Amino acid sequence: MVDGYPVRDKIEYIIAFINEFGKRFGLTDSQAYRYLNTYGAIKNIDKHYGALHTQDFRGNVEDVATYCRRMGGQL
C-alpha cells in the first residue's frame, strides 16, 4: 500500500492513463510516457491518484494535457 492505495492499482491506472493519453494525441505508449514524464505529469498523477481515479478518464486526460502545456509541453 502507498498513500492508502494498493501499489498495483496505482500502477494499472498510470499505465491505462498513458495509453489513453497516447490515443488522444496520436502517440505510441512510449512517446506518451516520455512526454508525460518530461513535464512532470506522471509524478502529478501518482500524487493525486486518490482524486483522479474517481473522475472521468477523458476529462483527466484533457486536464493533464493542460498541465503539461503550462509546464512547457506543446500538445
C-alpha atoms as a PDB file:
ATOM      1  CA  MET A   1       0.000   0.000   0.000  1.00  0.00           C
ATOM      2  CA  VAL A   2       1.158   3.500  -0.858  1.00  0.00           C
ATOM      3  CA  ASP A   3      -0.773   6.505   0.436  1.00  0.00           C
ATOM      4  CA  GLY A   4      -3.549   4.102   1.441  1.00  0.00           C
ATOM      5  CA  TYR A   5      -3.918   2.635  -2.057  1.00  0.00           C
ATOM      6  CA  PRO A   6      -2.626  -0.698  -3.375  1.00  0.00           C
ATOM      7  CA  VAL A   7       0.502  -0.141  -5.482  1.00  0.00           C
ATOM      8  CA  ARG A   8      -0.891  -2.408  -8.201  1.00  0.00           C
ATOM      9  CA  ASP A   9      -3.999  -0.208  -8.555  1.00  0.00           C
ATOM     10  CA  LYS A  10      -1.900   2.934  -8.948  1.00  0.00           C
ATOM     11  CA  ILE A  11       0.403   1.295 -11.490  1.00  0.00           C
ATOM     12  CA  GLU A  12      -2.513  -0.059 -13.523  1.00  0.00           C
ATOM     13  CA  TYR A  13      -4.170   3.360 -13.534  1.00  0.00           C
ATOM     14  CA  ILE A  14      -0.991   5.135 -14.655  1.00  0.00           C
ATOM     15  CA  ILE A  15      -0.405   2.592 -17.444  1.00  0.00           C
ATOM     16  CA  ALA A  16      -4.010   2.962 -18.629  1.00  0.00           C
ATOM     17  CA  PHE A  17      -3.675   6.742 -18.433  1.00  0.00           C
ATOM     18  CA  ILE A  18      -0.515   6.714 -20.569  1.00  0.00           C
ATOM     19  CA  ASN A  19      -2.298   4.548 -23.119  1.00  0.00           C
ATOM     20  CA  GLU A  20      -5.345   6.826 -23.280  1.00  0.00           C
ATOM     21  CA  PHE A  21      -3.192   9.940 -23.451  1.00  0.00           C
ATOM     22  CA  GLY A  22      -1.305   8.407 -26.360  1.00  0.00           C
ATOM     23  CA  LYS A  23      -4.533   7.549 -28.188  1.00  0.00           C
ATOM     24  CA  ARG A  24      -5.854  11.086 -27.687  1.00  0.00           C
ATOM     25  CA  PHE A  25      -2.739  12.704 -29.126  1.00  0.00           C
ATOM     26  CA  GLY A  26      -1.692  10.069 -31.675  1.00  0.00           C
ATOM     27  CA  LEU A  27       1.369   8.901 -29.747  1.00  0.00           C
ATOM     28  CA  THR A  28       2.740   5.461 -29.031  1.00  0.00           C
ATOM     29  CA  ASP A  29       2.736   4.393 -25.411  1.00  0.00           C
ATOM     30  CA  SER A  30       6.482   5.073 -25.252  1.00  0.00           C
ATOM     31  CA  GLN A  31       6.099   8.551 -26.700  1.00  0.00           C
ATOM     32  CA  ALA A  32       3.210   9.333 -24.359  1.00  0.00           C
ATOM     33  CA  TYR A  33       5.211   8.131 -21.349  1.00  0.00           C
ATOM     34  CA  ARG A  34       8.238  10.235 -22.301  1.00  0.00           C
ATOM     35  CA  TYR A  35       6.089  13.325 -22.860  1.00  0.00           C
ATOM     36  CA  LEU A  36       4.186  12.929 -19.596  1.00  0.00           C
ATOM     37  CA  ASN A  37       7.368  12.191 -17.673  1.00  0.00           C
ATOM     38  CA  THR A  38       9.228  15.136 -19.199  1.00  0.00           C
ATOM     39  CA  TYR A  39       6.601  17.603 -17.996  1.00  0.00           C
ATOM     40  CA  GLY A  40       6.117  16.071 -14.538  1.00  0.00           C
ATOM     41  CA  ALA A  41       2.680  14.638 -15.203  1.00  0.00           C
ATOM     42  CA  ILE A  42       3.495  11.076 -14.089  1.00  0.00           C
ATOM     43  CA  LYS A  43       4.523  12.317 -10.634  1.00  0.00           C
ATOM     44  CA  ASN A  44       1.441  14.532 -10.531  1.00  0.00           C
ATOM     45  CA  ILE A  45      -0.858  11.649 -11.470  1.00  0.00           C
ATOM     46  CA  ASP A  46       0.762   9.481  -8.795  1.00  0.00           C
ATOM     47  CA  LYS A  47       0.440  12.250  -6.213  1.00  0.00           C
ATOM     48  CA  HIS A  48      -3.239  12.911  -6.971  1.00  0.00           C
ATOM     49  CA  TYR A  49      -4.300   9.337  -7.725  1.00  0.00           C
ATOM     50  CA  GLY A  50      -6.827   9.402  -4.886  1.00  0.00           C
ATOM     51  CA  ALA A  51      -8.917  12.017  -6.663  1.00  0.00           C
ATOM     52  CA  LEU A  52      -8.086  11.208 -10.281  1.00  0.00           C
ATOM     53  CA  HIS A  53      -9.136   7.573 -10.262  1.00  0.00           C
ATOM     54  CA  THR A  54     -12.663   8.584  -9.227  1.00  0.00           C
ATOM     55  CA  GLN A  55     -13.168  11.031 -12.098  1.00  0.00           C
ATOM     56  CA  ASP A  56     -13.871  10.795 -15.812  1.00  0.00           C
ATOM     57  CA  PHE A  57     -10.827   9.469 -17.680  1.00  0.00           C
ATOM     58  CA  ARG A  58     -11.290  11.697 -20.743  1.00  0.00           C
ATOM     59  CA  GLY A  59     -11.578  14.791 -18.612  1.00  0.00           C
ATOM     60  CA  ASN A  60      -8.434  13.811 -16.722  1.00  0.00           C
ATOM     61  CA  VAL A  61      -6.522  13.385 -19.992  1.00  0.00           C
ATOM     62  CA  GLU A  62      -7.510  16.896 -21.050  1.00  0.00           C
ATOM     63  CA  ASP A  63      -6.637  18.318 -17.623  1.00  0.00           C
ATOM     64  CA  VAL A  64      -3.223  16.668 -17.657  1.00  0.00           C
ATOM     65  CA  ALA A  65      -2.622  17.916 -21.210  1.00  0.00           C
ATOM     66  CA  THR A  66      -3.356  21.436 -19.951  1.00  0.00           C
ATOM     67  CA  TYR A  67      -0.969  20.899 -17.032  1.00  0.00           C
ATOM     68  CA  CYS A  68       1.765  19.759 -19.444  1.00  0.00           C
ATOM     69  CA  ARG A  69       1.222  22.832 -21.632  1.00  0.00           C
ATOM     70  CA  ARG A  70       1.657  25.041 -18.572  1.00  0.00           C
ATOM     71  CA  MET A  71       4.921  23.212 -17.897  1.00  0.00           C
ATOM     72  CA  GLY A  72       6.160  23.838 -21.459  1.00  0.00           C
ATOM     73  CA  GLY A  73       4.587  20.983 -23.445  1.00  0.00           C
ATOM     74  CA  GLN A  74       3.349  21.578 -26.963  1.00  0.00           C
ATOM     75  CA  LEU A  75       0.482  19.081 -27.329  1.00  0.00           C
END
